[in-house]
């Protein structure tokens, strides 16, 4: 059979297999990404073919490949054609689902074959093999494993086809020699044991997607045509959701508006693992940042702030301080996501610094707080993550060398680790001993930068309380940031499995 005749739509393949069953032929099924076909794949497929009479192969479609950045390296059409060119393969189809479970139910092979690297089913961090094994039993088939040399497509692509700039590839080569993948993944897994309290400003990010249609005929104003809109849970809510995908227990403390609170929406957007404590500011709205965005490029045209940053009444502020005094000692980690919009008063800062077992702080300078919200408001912190322009604003030093500024801050506040995020230039990490390390950014597909710093801060706060070294902390943070910039706004939180796969793809 020619290569092209072997390639079938999956529904048509299911019909074709009925004829082979009627002939009493044993059908063997293999499934995978097969990105960069190599000798390991060829031996795997040849061994599988010898287990039966007909070998069918299904290939993960491009939209469901989750091997990390820049993957797949080859499109589904090319991957299918490469598989079909092998003599040992009888049929190839592109899968329609993210995993092989529904595929197995549709094709109903006699034997489902996986490579030797999947034999230890409990060690599969995705859990996919265990689910596939369950479906194999369900349809009365047999799960078999090949025995041969194992190659990694990811490793080969990283070595010979990487689309990272040369300096980042060189950095990753050095990093792989310094650290073990299992140790970094263990840090991610250890986060599940943490009890975390997050406090800060609730922000609802409202995105209005528009098309520019020109300038007004009467005034020098840009005219735009509305298309659609989204509402995202941002600010401390986004930080809490990031944390909740990794930590075991998450409690968020925040202020909502007494009028137009959006409480029902906010509760619906919080991760199931997040328990909220809301305090309501009388006669104030919940803060909304309304952004008008050009729909094609996602460039922001205008921002409108709907907020009252005057803060809680003295009575409510005192009550919140008393609540925190009771709660803070119960948590391994306290994260202060301070956007400077009134939730965290000076009295609350004093309470946080006095009663938190481990305090992690991020202060943001934005148009809403006009530069008044700097890290110097905090007399103590165990971990700080702050943007380059924010630490320079605090020091009133816009152009000087960064390291002396970081050195002065970490000694003044006495924190264990300090990170300065620098956008496309990655992150710089230091400690009280004066050790500095620069970790490059791994972002390649930048869709929206909003929320990337929050994701970095959330994940590295947990890494810091676990005693993670400077370089590994920066590495993990930049993975979180790279995942975040691929998401529009705070549409979804960073996923633990996605982070582990991203780390794995960079480390192989």
Foldseek 3Di string as FASTA:
>chain_A
DDLVVQEDALLVLLVVVVVVVVVVWAEEEEEEACQPPDPLNVVQLQVRLVVTPAYEYEHEAQVLDQLAPPPPVDHPVVSSSVVSRDPSHRHYYYDDDNACLVVCVSNVGQEYEDEPVCPVVVVPPVNRVVSNVVSCVVSNHYYYYDDDDDDDPLVVCLVPPDPDPPVQSVVLVVVLVVDPLVVLLVLQQVQQAFAEEEEEAKEKEKEWEWAWDAADPVDRHTDIGTDDMDIATDFSQQLQQQSQLRYNAYEYEYEAEPPQRCVVVSVVRHDPRYHYDYDYAYPWHRWYWYFYAHNPQRHTDDIDIRTDQPAHDPVSVVVVLVVCLVPQLVGLEYEYRYANRHTQDLSNLVSCQPRHPAYEYEYDDDPNNPLPTAPVSHLAHQEYEYEPCRLCSVVVHRDDDDLVSVQVVCVRHVYAKYWYQYPQQAIWMDGNVSDIDGNGAPADQARDQACLSSQLRSVLSSSVSVPHDGHSSSVLSSLSSNVVRNDDHSPDHDHSVSSSSNSVSSND
